Amino acid sequence: SITKTEKVMIHLREHNTITSLEAIELYGATRLSAIIYNLRKQGMNIRTDKIEFVDRFGSKAFYGKYVLEDK
């Protein structure tokens, strides 16, 4: 069967970006940063964009959006 790492790799190749929320909702992958770390070790060029937002308490917060640099 296909691993979560493989699912994230395919997603990046098809859609170019992924966030933790997408990884959880689509693939049940709760440790996206670890998956990205492993994909980088395998040679994939993935950058992290820091996205700012306001949380439900009105505080400024950030999340990572992973972007595949080379297609």
Protein backbone atom coordinates (compact mmCIF):
# COMPACT_ATOMS: atom_id res chain seq x y z
CA SER A 1 0.00 0.00 0.00
CA ILE A 2 1.03 3.61 -0.52
CA THR A 3 2.62 5.46 2.42
CA LYS A 4 1.66 8.91 3.67
CA THR A 5 5.05 10.16 2.51
CA GLU A 6 4.30 8.90 -1.00
CA LYS A 7 0.84 10.50 -0.90
CA VAL A 8 2.34 13.87 0.08
CA MET A 9 5.00 13.55 -2.63
CA ILE A 10 2.33 12.87 -5.27
CA HIS A 11 0.23 15.76 -3.94
CA LEU A 12 3.17 18.16 -4.23
CA ARG A 13 3.90 17.01 -7.78
CA GLU A 14 0.25 17.47 -8.79
CA HIS A 15 -0.64 20.63 -6.83
CA ASN A 16 2.77 22.21 -6.06
CA THR A 17 1.85 23.14 -2.45
CA ILE A 18 0.54 21.56 0.75
CA THR A 19 -0.29 22.73 4.29
CA SER A 20 -0.64 20.74 7.52
CA LEU A 21 -4.42 21.11 7.43
CA GLU A 22 -4.58 19.69 3.89
CA ALA A 23 -2.29 16.80 4.84
CA ILE A 24 -4.47 15.93 7.83
CA GLU A 25 -7.78 16.25 5.98
CA LEU A 26 -6.70 14.49 2.78
CA TYR A 27 -4.24 11.84 3.96
CA GLY A 28 -4.48 11.58 7.76
CA ALA A 29 -0.87 12.78 7.92
CA THR A 30 -0.44 14.60 11.23
CA ARG A 31 3.36 14.99 11.05
CA LEU A 32 3.78 16.87 7.79
CA SER A 33 7.02 18.57 8.86
CA ALA A 34 8.64 15.15 9.36
CA ILE A 35 7.40 14.01 5.95
CA ILE A 36 8.78 17.17 4.32
CA TYR A 37 12.10 16.60 6.12
CA ASN A 38 12.32 13.09 4.65
CA LEU A 39 11.34 14.27 1.16
CA ARG A 40 14.07 16.90 1.31
CA LYS A 41 16.58 14.20 2.32
CA GLN A 42 15.46 12.27 -0.78
CA GLY A 43 16.41 15.28 -2.89
CA MET A 44 13.14 17.15 -3.36
CA ASN A 45 13.57 20.93 -3.37
CA ILE A 46 10.76 22.12 -1.07
CA ARG A 47 10.63 25.61 0.41
CA THR A 48 8.56 26.73 3.39
CA ASP A 49 6.48 29.89 3.07
CA LYS A 50 5.45 31.45 6.38
CA ILE A 51 1.78 32.46 6.14
CA GLU A 52 0.45 34.95 8.66
CA PHE A 53 -3.17 34.86 9.87
CA VAL A 54 -5.30 35.97 12.80
CA ASP A 55 -6.46 33.11 14.99
CA ARG A 56 -9.90 32.77 16.59
CA PHE A 57 -8.70 34.72 19.62
CA GLY A 58 -7.60 37.68 17.53
CA SER A 59 -3.90 36.94 17.88
CA LYS A 60 -1.40 36.97 15.04
CA ALA A 61 -0.17 33.47 14.19
CA PHE A 62 1.67 31.65 11.42
CA TYR A 63 1.54 28.36 9.56
CA GLY A 64 3.84 26.79 7.02
CA LYS A 65 2.92 26.28 3.39
CA TYR A 66 5.29 23.86 1.68
CA VAL A 67 6.03 24.63 -1.97
CA LEU A 68 7.70 22.31 -4.47
CA GLU A 69 10.39 24.37 -6.17
CA ASP A 70 11.24 22.03 -9.04
CA LYS A 71 8.63 20.25 -11.11
